Amino acid sequence: MEIAHRERFYTYSSVNRKSQLRREGAVISIGHWKHVPKSGVTKAGCAEGEVDAVDLAIALVLEEVDTSALSSVGAQLLAPWGLLFGRQRDGGSA
């Protein structure tokens, strides 16, 4: 997926439980890792290059939200759910 934010252009990919956000001069990789007792950590990440807070924020948001509907195939697969259940939030009250 390609993302433009201000004057930055990103490429985000997620394959086999590993995701990567790239822009010129920066790469953030996040993957599933072993469970660490007491901390609850199950993912680990690596930042390479000139990564800043904006890069990290975008990478973390994309890692935690359901991005399946953002691809054309994902949108087509999820369309029947939208017709059946409408556009609902993922939880909490509206």
N, C-alpha and C. Protein backbone atom coordinates (compact mmCIF):
# COMPACT_ATOMS: atom_id res chain seq x y z
N MET A 1 0.85 -1.14 0.00
CA MET A 1 0.00 0.00 0.00
C MET A 1 0.91 1.23 0.00
N GLU A 2 0.51 2.24 -0.74
CA GLU A 2 1.28 3.48 -0.77
C GLU A 2 0.53 4.56 -0.01
N ILE A 3 1.27 5.34 0.76
CA ILE A 3 0.69 6.38 1.62
C ILE A 3 1.48 7.66 1.42
N ALA A 4 0.77 8.77 1.31
CA ALA A 4 1.42 10.08 1.26
C ALA A 4 0.98 10.86 2.49
N HIS A 5 1.93 11.36 3.24
CA HIS A 5 1.64 12.19 4.41
C HIS A 5 2.56 13.39 4.37
N ARG A 6 1.94 14.56 4.26
CA ARG A 6 2.68 15.80 4.07
C ARG A 6 3.59 15.64 2.86
N GLU A 7 4.85 15.79 2.99
CA GLU A 7 5.73 15.65 1.83
C GLU A 7 6.52 14.34 1.87
N ARG A 8 5.97 13.35 2.55
CA ARG A 8 6.62 12.05 2.64
C ARG A 8 5.77 11.01 1.93
N PHE A 9 6.44 10.06 1.32
CA PHE A 9 5.76 8.99 0.60
C PHE A 9 6.23 7.66 1.16
N TYR A 10 5.27 6.86 1.62
CA TYR A 10 5.55 5.60 2.28
C TYR A 10 5.04 4.42 1.45
N THR A 11 5.67 3.28 1.67
CA THR A 11 5.17 2.01 1.15
C THR A 11 5.03 1.08 2.36
N TYR A 12 3.82 0.52 2.53
CA TYR A 12 3.56 -0.39 3.64
C TYR A 12 3.23 -1.76 3.07
N SER A 13 3.85 -2.78 3.63
CA SER A 13 3.54 -4.15 3.22
C SER A 13 3.42 -5.03 4.46
N SER A 14 2.56 -6.03 4.36
CA SER A 14 2.37 -6.96 5.47
C SER A 14 2.20 -8.36 4.88
N VAL A 15 3.17 -9.23 5.15
CA VAL A 15 3.16 -10.59 4.61
C VAL A 15 3.59 -11.55 5.71
N ASN A 16 2.81 -12.62 5.89
CA ASN A 16 3.16 -13.67 6.85
C ASN A 16 3.50 -13.13 8.24
N ARG A 17 2.63 -12.29 8.77
CA ARG A 17 2.77 -11.75 10.13
C ARG A 17 3.99 -10.86 10.31
N LYS A 18 4.55 -10.38 9.21
CA LYS A 18 5.65 -9.42 9.27
C LYS A 18 5.25 -8.21 8.43
N SER A 19 5.42 -7.03 9.00
CA SER A 19 5.06 -5.83 8.26
C SER A 19 6.26 -4.91 8.15
N GLN A 20 6.19 -4.04 7.14
CA GLN A 20 7.30 -3.13 6.92
C GLN A 20 6.76 -1.82 6.35
N LEU A 21 7.21 -0.72 6.94
CA LEU A 21 6.89 0.61 6.45
C LEU A 21 8.20 1.22 5.95
N ARG A 22 8.19 1.69 4.70
CA ARG A 22 9.41 2.24 4.09
C ARG A 22 9.14 3.64 3.55
N ARG A 23 10.12 4.47 3.68
CA ARG A 23 10.18 5.74 2.96
C ARG A 23 11.64 5.97 2.65
N GLU A 24 11.92 6.95 1.83
CA GLU A 24 13.31 7.20 1.46
C GLU A 24 14.13 7.49 2.72
N GLY A 25 15.13 6.68 2.97
CA GLY A 25 16.02 6.88 4.11
C GLY A 25 15.58 6.26 5.41
N ALA A 26 14.44 5.54 5.42
CA ALA A 26 13.95 4.96 6.68
C ALA A 26 13.17 3.68 6.41
N VAL A 27 13.36 2.70 7.29
CA VAL A 27 12.62 1.44 7.22
C VAL A 27 12.26 1.02 8.64
N ILE A 28 10.98 0.67 8.84
CA ILE A 28 10.53 0.14 10.13
C ILE A 28 9.93 -1.23 9.87
N SER A 29 10.47 -2.25 10.53
CA SER A 29 9.98 -3.62 10.38
C SER A 29 9.41 -4.08 11.71
N ILE A 30 8.25 -4.73 11.67
CA ILE A 30 7.61 -5.25 12.87
C ILE A 30 7.19 -6.69 12.58
N GLY A 31 7.51 -7.59 13.51
CA GLY A 31 7.14 -8.99 13.32
C GLY A 31 6.73 -9.63 14.63
N HIS A 32 6.06 -10.76 14.53
CA HIS A 32 5.67 -11.49 15.74
C HIS A 32 6.90 -12.14 16.34
N TRP A 33 6.94 -12.14 17.63
CA TRP A 33 8.08 -12.64 18.39
C TRP A 33 7.55 -13.55 19.46
N LYS A 34 8.39 -14.12 20.24
CA LYS A 34 7.93 -14.99 21.32
C LYS A 34 7.29 -14.16 22.44
N HIS A 35 6.42 -14.80 23.20
CA HIS A 35 5.77 -14.15 24.34
C HIS A 35 6.79 -13.99 25.48
N VAL A 36 6.88 -12.80 26.01
CA VAL A 36 7.78 -12.54 27.13
C VAL A 36 6.94 -12.44 28.40
N PRO A 37 7.12 -13.36 29.35
CA PRO A 37 6.34 -13.33 30.58
C PRO A 37 6.44 -11.98 31.30
N LYS A 38 5.36 -11.59 31.94
CA LYS A 38 5.22 -10.37 32.72
C LYS A 38 5.13 -9.11 31.87
N SER A 39 5.74 -9.08 30.70
CA SER A 39 5.66 -7.88 29.87
C SER A 39 4.56 -7.99 28.83
N GLY A 40 4.21 -9.22 28.45
CA GLY A 40 3.18 -9.42 27.45
C GLY A 40 3.63 -9.14 26.03
N VAL A 41 4.91 -8.94 25.82
CA VAL A 41 5.42 -8.61 24.49
C VAL A 41 5.31 -9.82 23.57
N THR A 42 4.67 -9.64 22.42
CA THR A 42 4.61 -10.71 21.43
C THR A 42 5.08 -10.23 20.06
N LYS A 43 5.44 -8.97 19.95
CA LYS A 43 5.93 -8.41 18.70
C LYS A 43 7.23 -7.67 18.96
N ALA A 44 8.06 -7.62 17.95
CA ALA A 44 9.31 -6.89 18.05
C ALA A 44 9.49 -6.07 16.78
N GLY A 45 10.16 -4.95 16.91
CA GLY A 45 10.36 -4.08 15.76
C GLY A 45 11.79 -3.64 15.63
N CYS A 46 12.11 -3.15 14.45
CA CYS A 46 13.45 -2.66 14.16
C CYS A 46 13.32 -1.42 13.29
N ALA A 47 14.02 -0.37 13.66
CA ALA A 47 14.02 0.88 12.88
C ALA A 47 15.40 1.09 12.31
N GLU A 48 15.46 1.36 11.02
CA GLU A 48 16.74 1.58 10.35
C GLU A 48 16.70 2.91 9.61
N GLY A 49 17.79 3.63 9.66
CA GLY A 49 17.87 4.90 8.94
C GLY A 49 17.39 6.06 9.79
N GLU A 50 16.97 7.12 9.14
CA GLU A 50 16.54 8.35 9.82
C GLU A 50 15.05 8.28 10.15
N VAL A 51 14.72 7.46 11.13
CA VAL A 51 13.34 7.27 11.56
C VAL A 51 13.00 8.30 12.62
N ASP A 52 11.80 8.90 12.52
CA ASP A 52 11.37 9.86 13.54
C ASP A 52 10.01 9.44 14.11
N ALA A 53 9.45 10.28 14.96
CA ALA A 53 8.20 9.95 15.66
C ALA A 53 7.04 9.76 14.69
N VAL A 54 6.98 10.52 13.61
CA VAL A 54 5.90 10.38 12.63
C VAL A 54 5.97 9.00 11.98
N ASP A 55 7.16 8.58 11.60
CA ASP A 55 7.34 7.26 11.00
C ASP A 55 6.87 6.16 11.95
N LEU A 56 7.29 6.26 13.21
CA LEU A 56 6.91 5.25 14.21
C LEU A 56 5.40 5.24 14.44
N ALA A 57 4.80 6.42 14.50
CA ALA A 57 3.35 6.50 14.74
C ALA A 57 2.58 5.84 13.60
N ILE A 58 2.95 6.13 12.37
CA ILE A 58 2.27 5.53 11.22
C ILE A 58 2.45 4.02 11.22
N ALA A 59 3.67 3.55 11.48
CA ALA A 59 3.93 2.11 11.51
C ALA A 59 3.11 1.41 12.59
N LEU A 60 3.02 2.00 13.77
CA LEU A 60 2.27 1.39 14.86
C LEU A 60 0.78 1.37 14.59
N VAL A 61 0.25 2.44 14.03
CA VAL A 61 -1.18 2.47 13.70
C VAL A 61 -1.50 1.40 12.66
N LEU A 62 -0.70 1.33 11.60
CA LEU A 62 -0.95 0.34 10.55
C LEU A 62 -0.78 -1.09 11.07
N GLU A 63 0.07 -1.28 12.05
CA GLU A 63 0.27 -2.61 12.63
C GLU A 63 -0.94 -3.05 13.43
N GLU A 64 -1.62 -2.12 14.08
CA GLU A 64 -2.70 -2.47 14.99
C GLU A 64 -4.10 -2.43 14.37
N VAL A 65 -4.31 -1.70 13.29
CA VAL A 65 -5.64 -1.63 12.69
C VAL A 65 -5.81 -2.73 11.65
N ASP A 66 -7.06 -3.04 11.35
CA ASP A 66 -7.35 -4.03 10.32
C ASP A 66 -7.22 -3.36 8.95
N THR A 67 -6.15 -3.66 8.25
CA THR A 67 -5.90 -3.04 6.94
C THR A 67 -6.41 -3.90 5.79
N SER A 68 -7.09 -4.99 6.08
CA SER A 68 -7.52 -5.90 5.02
C SER A 68 -8.47 -5.23 4.03
N ALA A 69 -9.31 -4.32 4.49
CA ALA A 69 -10.27 -3.66 3.60
C ALA A 69 -9.62 -2.56 2.76
N LEU A 70 -8.36 -2.27 2.98
CA LEU A 70 -7.70 -1.20 2.24
C LEU A 70 -7.15 -1.66 0.89
N SER A 71 -7.14 -2.95 0.64
CA SER A 71 -6.74 -3.45 -0.68
C SER A 71 -8.00 -3.73 -1.49
N SER A 72 -7.89 -3.74 -2.80
CA SER A 72 -9.07 -3.97 -3.63
C SER A 72 -9.64 -5.37 -3.40
N VAL A 73 -8.78 -6.37 -3.25
CA VAL A 73 -9.25 -7.74 -2.99
C VAL A 73 -9.92 -7.81 -1.62
N GLY A 74 -9.30 -7.22 -0.61
CA GLY A 74 -9.88 -7.22 0.73
C GLY A 74 -11.22 -6.51 0.77
N ALA A 75 -11.34 -5.39 0.06
CA ALA A 75 -12.60 -4.65 0.03
C ALA A 75 -13.70 -5.50 -0.61
N GLN A 76 -13.37 -6.22 -1.67
CA GLN A 76 -14.36 -7.08 -2.33
C GLN A 76 -14.78 -8.23 -1.42
N LEU A 77 -13.83 -8.80 -0.69
CA LEU A 77 -14.16 -9.90 0.21
C LEU A 77 -15.00 -9.44 1.39
N LEU A 78 -14.81 -8.21 1.84
CA LEU A 78 -15.54 -7.71 3.00
C LEU A 78 -16.86 -7.02 2.62
N ALA A 79 -17.11 -6.79 1.34
CA ALA A 79 -18.32 -6.10 0.91
C ALA A 79 -19.60 -6.78 1.40
N PRO A 80 -19.71 -8.11 1.33
CA PRO A 80 -20.94 -8.75 1.84
C PRO A 80 -21.19 -8.46 3.32
N TRP A 81 -20.14 -8.38 4.12
CA TRP A 81 -20.31 -8.07 5.55
C TRP A 81 -20.89 -6.67 5.70
N GLY A 82 -20.44 -5.74 4.89
CA GLY A 82 -20.97 -4.38 4.95
C GLY A 82 -22.45 -4.33 4.61
N LEU A 83 -22.86 -5.13 3.64
CA LEU A 83 -24.27 -5.17 3.27
C LEU A 83 -25.11 -5.81 4.36
N LEU A 84 -24.59 -6.84 4.99
CA LEU A 84 -25.34 -7.55 6.02
C LEU A 84 -25.40 -6.78 7.34
N PHE A 85 -24.30 -6.20 7.74
CA PHE A 85 -24.21 -5.62 9.08
C PHE A 85 -24.06 -4.11 9.10
N GLY A 86 -23.90 -3.49 7.95
CA GLY A 86 -23.72 -2.04 7.92
C GLY A 86 -22.33 -1.65 8.36
N ARG A 87 -22.12 -0.37 8.45
CA ARG A 87 -20.81 0.15 8.85
C ARG A 87 -20.81 0.36 10.35
N GLN A 88 -20.34 -0.63 11.08
CA GLN A 88 -20.30 -0.55 12.54
C GLN A 88 -18.88 -0.32 13.00
N ARG A 89 -18.77 0.20 14.19
CA ARG A 89 -17.45 0.36 14.81
C ARG A 89 -16.98 -0.99 15.32
N ASP A 90 -15.69 -1.09 15.60
CA ASP A 90 -15.12 -2.35 16.07
C ASP A 90 -15.35 -2.61 17.55
N GLY A 91 -16.09 -1.84 18.20
CA GLY A 91 -16.33 -2.09 19.61
C GLY A 91 -16.71 -0.81 20.32
N GLY A 92 -17.09 -0.93 21.54
CA GLY A 92 -17.49 0.25 22.30
C GLY A 92 -18.84 0.75 21.83
N SER A 93 -19.20 1.89 22.33
CA SER A 93 -20.48 2.47 21.94
C SER A 93 -20.27 3.52 20.86
N ALA A 94 -21.27 3.71 20.05
CA ALA A 94 -21.17 4.65 18.92
C ALA A 94 -21.27 6.08 19.36
